[in-house]
Amino acid sequence: MFSARLFSSVILVLLALVSILIGGNILFLIQVIVSLLGLYEFYRATGVCNKGKKVNILEITGFLSLISYYLGLYFHIQQFFFLYCMLVLLILMVLYVIYFPTYQFKQIAAAYFGIFYIGIMLSCIYLTRNLHNGIYIVWLIFLSSWISDTCAYCVGMLIGRHKLFPALSPKKSVEGAVGGILGSSFLAGLYAYFLGEKFIFHHNPVFICVIICAVGSMISQVGDLAASAVKRDYEIKDYGNLIPGHGGILDRFDSVIFTAPVIYLLASTLL
């Protein structure tokens, strides 16, 4: 299990490294694929479409809505985002009425929620990469999510004594959570110390990056716990089995989903 997890982690890191360094259409395409796979897992987990059954009209609408959002992003027509939100909701409610009582309201709500929770929030990786000098800024997302996860896990294993949220994740500890924040902040400080002048126009880049990643780490842990809460509500262990040793796309990107928009907003404001 450990070897499979390690191998998968290396592949994921390499994929993220290559796609983000290249950016542009390659990153955009991978972003769309990851979002669609994540949405598929979410729909299966939340009962939008029951496991083993064919893709239904709700899933098709969700997938098409997500693709249309990314097309709008690609062609820089984000000014219609508010209209997009209303239109997608309207379409789903029309389907709810037409097919009633085939679908329950909680399925409609999950179909709508999944588009934003997964696709739109994850798209902030692409948006961050497209910022001025975003090729450097975008790594703060992974410093405050994947690195935070790793630091939290290591510190929790070594000195974790006090449970953080035992009802959601019995293995997570307060010490591990603090270790994740401190670890990601420290590495962000080092990152900014060596590369800060390349992408930050603030007089104190180290301090700014430490603050951004500290906040990002806290938010990433909320994202991790939120994903655990959804899994417990629906009584599943993992969202999928696509990534050996990790589970599904959402099991690996649960913290990134929350971190990406926060880093994008903070970077847009502070850097």
Protein backbone atom coordinates (compact mmCIF):
# COMPACT_ATOMS: atom_id res chain seq x y z
CA MET A 1 0.00 0.00 0.00
CA PHE A 2 2.80 2.41 0.91
CA SER A 3 4.69 1.72 -2.34
CA ALA A 4 1.51 2.25 -4.39
CA ARG A 5 0.79 5.50 -2.54
CA LEU A 6 4.37 6.71 -3.01
CA PHE A 7 4.38 5.84 -6.71
CA SER A 8 1.04 7.60 -7.24
CA SER A 9 2.29 10.67 -5.37
CA VAL A 10 5.38 10.88 -7.58
CA ILE A 11 3.26 10.61 -10.73
CA LEU A 12 0.85 13.29 -9.49
CA VAL A 13 3.69 15.66 -8.60
CA LEU A 14 5.35 15.13 -11.98
CA LEU A 15 2.05 15.67 -13.79
CA ALA A 16 1.40 18.88 -11.83
CA LEU A 17 4.98 20.04 -12.39
CA VAL A 18 4.97 19.49 -16.15
CA SER A 19 1.47 20.84 -16.82
CA ILE A 20 1.94 23.96 -14.70
CA LEU A 21 5.37 24.73 -16.11
CA ILE A 22 4.01 24.43 -19.65
CA GLY A 23 0.77 26.19 -18.77
CA GLY A 24 -1.53 27.35 -21.54
CA ASN A 25 -3.62 24.78 -23.39
CA ILE A 26 -1.92 21.79 -21.76
CA LEU A 27 -2.75 22.96 -18.25
CA PHE A 28 -6.24 23.95 -19.36
CA LEU A 29 -6.94 20.50 -20.84
CA ILE A 30 -5.63 18.64 -17.79
CA GLN A 31 -7.65 20.97 -15.56
CA VAL A 32 -10.83 20.14 -17.48
CA ILE A 33 -10.15 16.39 -17.35
CA VAL A 34 -9.42 16.42 -13.60
CA SER A 35 -12.55 18.49 -12.94
CA LEU A 36 -14.77 16.17 -14.99
CA LEU A 37 -13.35 13.08 -13.28
CA GLY A 38 -13.83 14.72 -9.89
CA LEU A 39 -17.40 15.67 -10.76
CA TYR A 40 -18.09 12.10 -11.90
CA GLU A 41 -16.85 10.78 -8.55
CA PHE A 42 -18.88 13.35 -6.65
CA TYR A 43 -22.07 12.51 -8.53
CA ARG A 44 -21.58 8.81 -7.86
CA ALA A 45 -20.88 9.42 -4.17
CA THR A 46 -23.83 11.75 -3.56
CA GLY A 47 -26.40 9.73 -5.46
CA VAL A 48 -26.90 12.05 -8.40
CA CYS A 49 -26.51 8.81 -10.30
CA ASN A 50 -26.45 5.52 -8.41
CA LYS A 51 -23.41 3.33 -8.72
CA GLY A 52 -23.58 0.83 -11.53
CA LYS A 53 -26.24 2.73 -13.46
CA LYS A 54 -25.78 4.53 -16.73
CA VAL A 55 -25.07 8.24 -16.89
CA ASN A 56 -28.37 10.11 -16.53
CA ILE A 57 -29.69 13.50 -17.60
CA LEU A 58 -28.57 15.20 -14.38
CA GLU A 59 -24.99 14.03 -14.86
CA ILE A 60 -25.00 15.02 -18.51
CA THR A 61 -26.30 18.48 -17.58
CA GLY A 62 -23.63 18.80 -14.90
CA PHE A 63 -20.82 17.76 -17.24
CA LEU A 64 -22.01 20.07 -20.01
CA SER A 65 -22.40 22.94 -17.55
CA LEU A 66 -18.85 22.40 -16.32
CA ILE A 67 -17.49 22.28 -19.86
CA SER A 68 -19.38 25.45 -20.76
CA TYR A 69 -17.87 27.20 -17.74
CA TYR A 70 -14.35 26.26 -18.83
CA LEU A 71 -15.06 27.39 -22.37
CA GLY A 72 -16.14 30.74 -20.98
CA LEU A 73 -12.94 30.85 -18.96
CA TYR A 74 -10.85 29.98 -22.00
CA PHE A 75 -12.44 32.68 -24.15
CA HIS A 76 -12.32 35.26 -21.34
CA ILE A 77 -16.04 35.87 -20.95
CA GLN A 78 -16.17 35.60 -17.15
CA GLN A 79 -18.37 38.71 -17.06
CA PHE A 80 -21.32 36.42 -17.79
CA PHE A 81 -20.63 34.25 -14.74
CA PHE A 82 -23.67 35.50 -12.80
CA LEU A 83 -25.90 34.71 -15.76
CA TYR A 84 -24.25 31.30 -16.04
CA CYS A 85 -25.03 30.50 -12.38
CA MET A 86 -28.70 31.38 -12.81
CA LEU A 87 -29.01 29.53 -16.11
CA VAL A 88 -27.55 26.28 -14.77
CA LEU A 89 -29.84 26.42 -11.74
CA LEU A 90 -32.82 27.11 -13.96
CA ILE A 91 -32.03 24.16 -16.24
CA LEU A 92 -31.65 21.78 -13.29
CA MET A 93 -34.94 22.94 -11.76
CA VAL A 94 -36.70 22.50 -15.11
CA LEU A 95 -35.36 18.92 -15.23
CA TYR A 96 -36.56 18.43 -11.65
CA VAL A 97 -40.09 19.39 -12.70
CA ILE A 98 -40.13 17.48 -15.99
CA TYR A 99 -38.82 14.23 -14.51
CA PHE A 100 -40.58 14.46 -11.14
CA PRO A 101 -40.61 12.25 -9.09
CA THR A 102 -37.62 10.47 -10.70
CA TYR A 103 -35.16 12.79 -8.95
CA GLN A 104 -35.24 14.04 -5.39
CA PHE A 105 -34.37 17.61 -4.50
CA LYS A 106 -31.16 16.52 -2.77
CA GLN A 107 -29.99 15.08 -6.11
CA ILE A 108 -30.68 18.39 -7.86
CA ALA A 109 -28.86 20.26 -5.09
CA ALA A 110 -25.88 17.91 -5.28
CA ALA A 111 -25.76 18.22 -9.08
CA TYR A 112 -25.64 22.02 -8.81
CA PHE A 113 -23.26 22.10 -5.85
CA GLY A 114 -20.78 19.74 -7.51
CA ILE A 115 -20.25 22.07 -10.48
CA PHE A 116 -19.08 24.86 -8.18
CA TYR A 117 -17.39 22.81 -5.48
CA ILE A 118 -15.21 20.90 -7.89
CA GLY A 119 -15.00 22.51 -11.31
CA ILE A 120 -15.16 26.21 -10.55
CA MET A 121 -13.08 26.14 -7.38
CA LEU A 122 -10.42 23.94 -9.00
CA SER A 123 -10.28 26.28 -12.00
CA CYS A 124 -8.51 28.77 -9.74
CA ILE A 125 -5.32 26.78 -10.38
CA TYR A 126 -5.56 27.79 -14.03
CA LEU A 127 -6.54 31.36 -13.09
CA THR A 128 -3.61 31.66 -10.70
CA ARG A 129 -1.22 30.32 -13.32
CA ASN A 130 -2.48 33.03 -15.69
CA LEU A 131 -1.71 35.86 -13.27
CA HIS A 132 1.30 38.04 -13.96
CA ASN A 133 4.27 35.79 -13.09
CA GLY A 134 1.73 33.13 -12.17
CA ILE A 135 4.23 30.43 -13.03
CA TYR A 136 5.83 31.23 -9.65
CA ILE A 137 2.72 32.17 -7.67
CA VAL A 138 0.73 29.02 -8.50
CA TRP A 139 3.05 26.81 -6.44
CA LEU A 140 1.75 28.48 -3.29
CA ILE A 141 -1.45 26.48 -3.83
CA PHE A 142 0.40 23.20 -3.51
CA LEU A 143 2.67 24.42 -0.74
CA SER A 144 -0.40 25.15 1.36
CA SER A 145 -2.26 21.97 0.44
CA TRP A 146 -0.14 18.94 -0.45
CA ILE A 147 2.90 20.08 1.56
CA SER A 148 0.62 21.02 4.45
CA ASP A 149 -0.98 17.56 4.29
CA THR A 150 2.42 15.88 4.35
CA CYS A 151 3.70 17.97 7.28
CA ALA A 152 0.47 17.45 9.21
CA TYR A 153 0.69 13.70 8.66
CA CYS A 154 4.33 13.47 9.78
CA VAL A 155 3.91 15.66 12.86
CA GLY A 156 0.69 13.89 13.79
CA MET A 157 2.36 10.49 13.56
CA LEU A 158 5.30 11.64 15.68
CA ILE A 159 3.72 13.70 18.45
CA GLY A 160 -0.03 13.78 17.79
CA ARG A 161 -1.94 13.34 21.06
CA HIS A 162 -5.03 15.53 20.94
CA LYS A 163 -7.76 14.68 18.44
CA LEU A 164 -8.79 17.51 16.13
CA PHE A 165 -12.24 16.39 14.94
CA PRO A 166 -12.58 12.73 15.95
CA ALA A 167 -16.13 12.48 14.60
CA LEU A 168 -14.85 13.30 11.11
CA SER A 169 -11.27 12.05 11.04
CA PRO A 170 -10.08 10.07 14.10
CA LYS A 171 -6.43 10.09 12.98
CA LYS A 172 -6.08 13.87 12.65
CA SER A 173 -4.59 15.67 15.65
CA VAL A 174 -4.26 19.25 16.83
CA GLU A 175 -0.49 18.85 16.78
CA GLY A 176 -0.63 17.62 13.21
CA ALA A 177 -2.79 20.57 12.14
CA VAL A 178 -0.35 23.03 13.70
CA GLY A 179 2.56 21.15 12.12
CA GLY A 180 0.90 21.44 8.72
CA ILE A 181 0.49 25.19 9.07
CA LEU A 182 4.03 25.74 10.35
CA GLY A 183 5.60 23.38 7.82
CA SER A 184 3.91 24.88 4.78
CA SER A 185 4.55 28.44 6.04
CA PHE A 186 8.23 27.70 6.62
CA LEU A 187 8.70 26.23 3.15
CA ALA A 188 6.75 29.13 1.65
CA GLY A 189 9.14 31.50 3.39
CA LEU A 190 12.13 29.69 1.93
CA TYR A 191 10.49 29.69 -1.48
CA ALA A 192 9.90 33.43 -1.33
CA TYR A 193 13.40 34.08 0.01
CA PHE A 194 14.99 32.51 -3.06
CA LEU A 195 12.39 33.37 -5.71
CA GLY A 196 10.36 36.22 -4.24
CA GLU A 197 11.93 38.91 -6.38
CA LYS A 198 10.77 37.09 -9.50
CA PHE A 199 7.08 37.32 -8.75
CA ILE A 200 6.37 39.62 -5.81
CA PHE A 201 6.34 43.40 -5.93
CA HIS A 202 5.96 43.77 -2.18
CA HIS A 203 8.87 45.01 -0.08
CA ASN A 204 8.64 41.95 2.18
CA PRO A 205 7.89 38.90 -0.01
CA VAL A 206 8.85 36.36 2.65
CA PHE A 207 6.33 37.71 5.14
CA ILE A 208 3.57 37.90 2.54
CA CYS A 209 4.12 34.33 1.33
CA VAL A 210 4.24 33.00 4.88
CA ILE A 211 0.91 34.67 5.64
CA ILE A 212 -0.67 33.45 2.41
CA CYS A 213 0.41 29.85 2.96
CA ALA A 214 -0.53 29.90 6.66
CA VAL A 215 -4.06 30.93 5.70
CA GLY A 216 -4.02 28.50 2.79
CA SER A 217 -2.95 25.64 5.06
CA MET A 218 -5.77 26.30 7.51
CA ILE A 219 -8.28 26.42 4.66
CA SER A 220 -6.85 23.27 3.08
CA GLN A 221 -7.43 21.37 6.32
CA VAL A 222 -11.02 22.58 6.37
CA GLY A 223 -11.34 21.29 2.80
CA ASP A 224 -9.97 17.91 3.83
CA LEU A 225 -12.39 17.67 6.74
CA ALA A 226 -15.31 18.86 4.61
CA ALA A 227 -14.62 16.05 2.13
CA SER A 228 -14.51 13.60 5.05
CA ALA A 229 -17.86 14.91 6.26
CA VAL A 230 -19.43 14.31 2.85
CA LYS A 231 -18.03 10.78 2.75
CA ARG A 232 -19.39 10.04 6.22
CA ASP A 233 -22.80 11.44 5.31
CA TYR A 234 -22.95 9.09 2.33
CA GLU A 235 -21.17 6.23 4.15
CA ILE A 236 -18.30 5.75 1.72
CA LYS A 237 -14.60 5.27 2.45
CA ASP A 238 -13.18 6.86 -0.72
CA TYR A 239 -14.62 8.79 -3.63
CA GLY A 240 -13.07 6.36 -6.08
CA ASN A 241 -10.09 4.11 -6.81
CA LEU A 242 -8.49 5.87 -9.75
CA ILE A 243 -5.28 6.73 -7.87
CA PRO A 244 -3.68 3.69 -6.17
CA GLY A 245 -3.05 4.28 -2.49
CA HIS A 246 -5.05 7.52 -2.45
CA GLY A 247 -8.53 6.69 -3.71
CA GLY A 248 -10.16 8.95 -6.24
CA ILE A 249 -9.43 12.36 -7.70
CA LEU A 250 -11.38 14.05 -4.90
CA ASP A 251 -9.49 12.12 -2.22
CA ARG A 252 -6.26 13.65 -3.49
CA PHE A 253 -7.56 17.09 -4.45
CA ASP A 254 -9.95 17.70 -1.55
CA SER A 255 -7.61 20.20 0.11
CA VAL A 256 -6.57 21.80 -3.20
CA ILE A 257 -10.24 22.50 -4.00
CA PHE A 258 -10.42 24.85 -1.01
CA THR A 259 -6.89 26.20 -1.24
CA ALA A 260 -6.87 27.19 -4.92
CA PRO A 261 -9.53 29.96 -4.73
CA VAL A 262 -8.10 31.31 -1.47
CA ILE A 263 -4.57 31.55 -2.87
CA TYR A 264 -5.91 33.08 -6.07
CA LEU A 265 -7.79 35.78 -4.15
CA LEU A 266 -4.92 36.49 -1.75
CA ALA A 267 -2.31 36.51 -4.52
CA SER A 268 -4.47 38.83 -6.64
CA THR A 269 -4.79 41.20 -3.69
CA LEU A 270 -1.40 41.05 -1.96
CA LEU A 271 1.16 40.22 -4.64
